[in-house]
Amino acid sequence: MKRYCLALDLKDDPDLIAEYENYHKNVWPEIIESIKQSGIEVLDIYRTGNRLFMIIDANEEFSFEKKSAMDEVNPKVKEWEELMWRFQQGLPWAKTGEKWILMEKIFELP
């Protein structure tokens, strides 16, 4: 099992943040299925202010390239991602159109 941590910002608007959280209370079943099929076994999203942190635990079958290729041919995932982009904004150092940024692990308790 491998762990990945990613970050992304939401638009700093309380109404949009509330709506984003409501969507995540009832994520579309096709999105859940796509996540599981990619090799992701645990996916948690945390929020502080308008910053999001995603923690993924994935099996050895998972890769971001594989997940991206799967998403590219899945119309429901593309629809979800387009909808979510309404609430999201890239981190200040993100490239144009870049969403979730992989975080670098800098400490582990010995």
C-alpha atoms as a PDB file:
ATOM      1  CA  MET A   1       0.000   0.000   0.000  1.00  0.00           C
ATOM      2  CA  LYS A   2       1.292   3.433  -0.920  1.00  0.00           C
ATOM      3  CA  ARG A   3       0.040   6.753   0.482  1.00  0.00           C
ATOM      4  CA  TYR A   4      -0.282   9.967  -1.522  1.00  0.00           C
ATOM      5  CA  CYS A   5      -1.197  13.389  -0.156  1.00  0.00           C
ATOM      6  CA  LEU A   6      -2.451  16.160  -2.402  1.00  0.00           C
ATOM      7  CA  ALA A   7      -3.614  19.758  -1.940  1.00  0.00           C
ATOM      8  CA  LEU A   8      -5.998  22.081  -3.747  1.00  0.00           C
ATOM      9  CA  ASP A   9      -7.800  25.334  -2.952  1.00  0.00           C
ATOM     10  CA  LEU A  10     -11.488  26.086  -3.160  1.00  0.00           C
ATOM     11  CA  LYS A  11     -12.707  29.500  -4.202  1.00  0.00           C
ATOM     12  CA  ASP A  12     -12.900  31.500  -0.987  1.00  0.00           C
ATOM     13  CA  ASP A  13     -16.681  31.838  -0.955  1.00  0.00           C
ATOM     14  CA  PRO A  14     -18.662  30.308   1.958  1.00  0.00           C
ATOM     15  CA  ASP A  15     -21.670  29.483  -0.243  1.00  0.00           C
ATOM     16  CA  LEU A  16     -19.529  27.698  -2.850  1.00  0.00           C
ATOM     17  CA  ILE A  17     -17.627  25.843  -0.134  1.00  0.00           C
ATOM     18  CA  ALA A  18     -20.911  24.666   1.421  1.00  0.00           C
ATOM     19  CA  GLU A  19     -22.178  23.522  -1.980  1.00  0.00           C
ATOM     20  CA  TYR A  20     -18.903  21.681  -2.656  1.00  0.00           C
ATOM     21  CA  GLU A  21     -19.198  19.872   0.669  1.00  0.00           C
ATOM     22  CA  ASN A  22     -22.816  18.940  -0.094  1.00  0.00           C
ATOM     23  CA  TYR A  23     -21.737  17.313  -3.362  1.00  0.00           C
ATOM     24  CA  HIS A  24     -19.213  15.274  -1.389  1.00  0.00           C
ATOM     25  CA  LYS A  25     -21.899  13.981   0.959  1.00  0.00           C
ATOM     26  CA  ASN A  26     -23.436  12.206  -2.041  1.00  0.00           C
ATOM     27  CA  VAL A  27     -20.653  11.554  -4.541  1.00  0.00           C
ATOM     28  CA  TRP A  28     -22.026  10.016  -7.717  1.00  0.00           C
ATOM     29  CA  PRO A  29     -21.750   6.199  -7.704  1.00  0.00           C
ATOM     30  CA  GLU A  30     -19.876   6.261 -11.031  1.00  0.00           C
ATOM     31  CA  ILE A  31     -17.172   8.412  -9.431  1.00  0.00           C
ATOM     32  CA  ILE A  32     -16.822   6.059  -6.448  1.00  0.00           C
ATOM     33  CA  GLU A  33     -16.576   3.093  -8.823  1.00  0.00           C
ATOM     34  CA  SER A  34     -13.946   4.830 -10.961  1.00  0.00           C
ATOM     35  CA  ILE A  35     -11.847   5.593  -7.890  1.00  0.00           C
ATOM     36  CA  LYS A  36     -11.988   1.990  -6.678  1.00  0.00           C
ATOM     37  CA  GLN A  37     -11.254   0.548 -10.142  1.00  0.00           C
ATOM     38  CA  SER A  38      -8.045   2.583 -10.331  1.00  0.00           C
ATOM     39  CA  GLY A  39      -6.532   0.818  -7.319  1.00  0.00           C
ATOM     40  CA  ILE A  40      -7.381   3.455  -4.719  1.00  0.00           C
ATOM     41  CA  GLU A  41      -8.551   1.734  -1.541  1.00  0.00           C
ATOM     42  CA  VAL A  42      -8.912   4.732   0.789  1.00  0.00           C
ATOM     43  CA  LEU A  43      -9.531   8.341  -0.221  1.00  0.00           C
ATOM     44  CA  ASP A  44     -10.177  11.035   2.375  1.00  0.00           C
ATOM     45  CA  ILE A  45     -10.535  14.780   1.833  1.00  0.00           C
ATOM     46  CA  TYR A  46      -9.990  17.293   4.653  1.00  0.00           C
ATOM     47  CA  ARG A  47     -10.631  21.040   4.608  1.00  0.00           C
ATOM     48  CA  THR A  48      -9.267  23.991   6.527  1.00  0.00           C
ATOM     49  CA  GLY A  49     -10.566  27.354   5.381  1.00  0.00           C
ATOM     50  CA  ASN A  50     -10.588  27.073   1.601  1.00  0.00           C
ATOM     51  CA  ARG A  51      -7.633  24.632   1.417  1.00  0.00           C
ATOM     52  CA  LEU A  52      -8.281  20.944   0.753  1.00  0.00           C
ATOM     53  CA  PHE A  53      -6.034  17.989   1.527  1.00  0.00           C
ATOM     54  CA  MET A  54      -6.621  14.612  -0.092  1.00  0.00           C
ATOM     55  CA  ILE A  55      -5.086  11.470   1.370  1.00  0.00           C
ATOM     56  CA  ILE A  56      -5.032   8.390  -0.845  1.00  0.00           C
ATOM     57  CA  ASP A  57      -4.012   4.862   0.110  1.00  0.00           C
ATOM     58  CA  ALA A  58      -3.611   2.834  -3.073  1.00  0.00           C
ATOM     59  CA  ASN A  59      -2.540  -0.665  -3.978  1.00  0.00           C
ATOM     60  CA  GLU A  60       0.328  -1.599  -6.289  1.00  0.00           C
ATOM     61  CA  GLU A  61      -1.959  -1.435  -9.359  1.00  0.00           C
ATOM     62  CA  PHE A  62      -2.497   2.317  -8.937  1.00  0.00           C
ATOM     63  CA  SER A  63      -0.677   5.039 -10.839  1.00  0.00           C
ATOM     64  CA  PHE A  64      -1.677   8.620 -11.565  1.00  0.00           C
ATOM     65  CA  GLU A  65      -1.060   7.954 -15.267  1.00  0.00           C
ATOM     66  CA  LYS A  66      -3.432   4.965 -15.236  1.00  0.00           C
ATOM     67  CA  LYS A  67      -6.084   6.945 -13.328  1.00  0.00           C
ATOM     68  CA  SER A  68      -5.765   9.867 -15.735  1.00  0.00           C
ATOM     69  CA  ALA A  69      -6.123   7.576 -18.769  1.00  0.00           C
ATOM     70  CA  MET A  70      -9.213   5.941 -17.224  1.00  0.00           C
ATOM     71  CA  ASP A  71     -10.742   9.341 -16.458  1.00  0.00           C
ATOM     72  CA  GLU A  72     -10.119  10.621 -19.983  1.00  0.00           C
ATOM     73  CA  VAL A  73     -12.476   8.000 -21.470  1.00  0.00           C
ATOM     74  CA  ASN A  74     -15.116   8.150 -18.736  1.00  0.00           C
ATOM     75  CA  PRO A  75     -17.799  10.758 -19.561  1.00  0.00           C
ATOM     76  CA  LYS A  76     -19.241  10.736 -16.027  1.00  0.00           C
ATOM     77  CA  VAL A  77     -15.835  11.447 -14.461  1.00  0.00           C
ATOM     78  CA  LYS A  78     -15.266  14.249 -16.971  1.00  0.00           C
ATOM     79  CA  GLU A  79     -18.692  15.697 -16.094  1.00  0.00           C
ATOM     80  CA  TRP A  80     -17.912  15.491 -12.350  1.00  0.00           C
ATOM     81  CA  GLU A  81     -14.500  17.116 -12.782  1.00  0.00           C
ATOM     82  CA  GLU A  82     -15.978  19.947 -14.846  1.00  0.00           C
ATOM     83  CA  LEU A  83     -18.641  20.508 -12.178  1.00  0.00           C
ATOM     84  CA  MET A  84     -16.070  20.471  -9.352  1.00  0.00           C
ATOM     85  CA  TRP A  85     -13.843  22.984 -11.162  1.00  0.00           C
ATOM     86  CA  ARG A  86     -16.647  25.498 -10.566  1.00  0.00           C
ATOM     87  CA  PHE A  87     -15.718  25.416  -6.866  1.00  0.00           C
ATOM     88  CA  GLN A  88     -11.980  24.851  -7.137  1.00  0.00           C
ATOM     89  CA  GLN A  89      -8.977  26.991  -7.948  1.00  0.00           C
ATOM     90  CA  GLY A  90      -5.400  25.980  -8.376  1.00  0.00           C
ATOM     91  CA  LEU A  91      -2.833  26.577  -5.677  1.00  0.00           C
ATOM     92  CA  PRO A  92      -0.872  29.816  -6.212  1.00  0.00           C
ATOM     93  CA  TRP A  93       2.100  27.842  -7.622  1.00  0.00           C
ATOM     94  CA  ALA A  94       0.012  25.493  -9.799  1.00  0.00           C
ATOM     95  CA  LYS A  95       0.321  25.507 -13.563  1.00  0.00           C
ATOM     96  CA  THR A  96      -2.674  26.769 -15.540  1.00  0.00           C
ATOM     97  CA  GLY A  97      -5.545  24.278 -15.268  1.00  0.00           C
ATOM     98  CA  GLU A  98      -3.684  22.129 -12.728  1.00  0.00           C
ATOM     99  CA  LYS A  99      -5.866  20.925  -9.886  1.00  0.00           C
ATOM    100  CA  TRP A 100      -4.685  18.612  -7.139  1.00  0.00           C
ATOM    101  CA  ILE A 101      -0.955  18.991  -6.435  1.00  0.00           C
ATOM    102  CA  LEU A 102       1.002  16.049  -5.059  1.00  0.00           C
ATOM    103  CA  MET A 103       2.589  16.971  -1.738  1.00  0.00           C
ATOM    104  CA  GLU A 104       6.129  16.029  -0.781  1.00  0.00           C
ATOM    105  CA  LYS A 105       6.550  14.059   2.438  1.00  0.00           C
ATOM    106  CA  ILE A 106       9.084  15.864   4.601  1.00  0.00           C
ATOM    107  CA  PHE A 107       8.780  14.034   7.933  1.00  0.00           C
ATOM    108  CA  GLU A 108       7.882  10.623   9.299  1.00  0.00           C
ATOM    109  CA  LEU A 109       7.805   9.734  12.985  1.00  0.00           C
ATOM    110  CA  PRO A 110      10.661   7.318  13.611  1.00  0.00           C
END
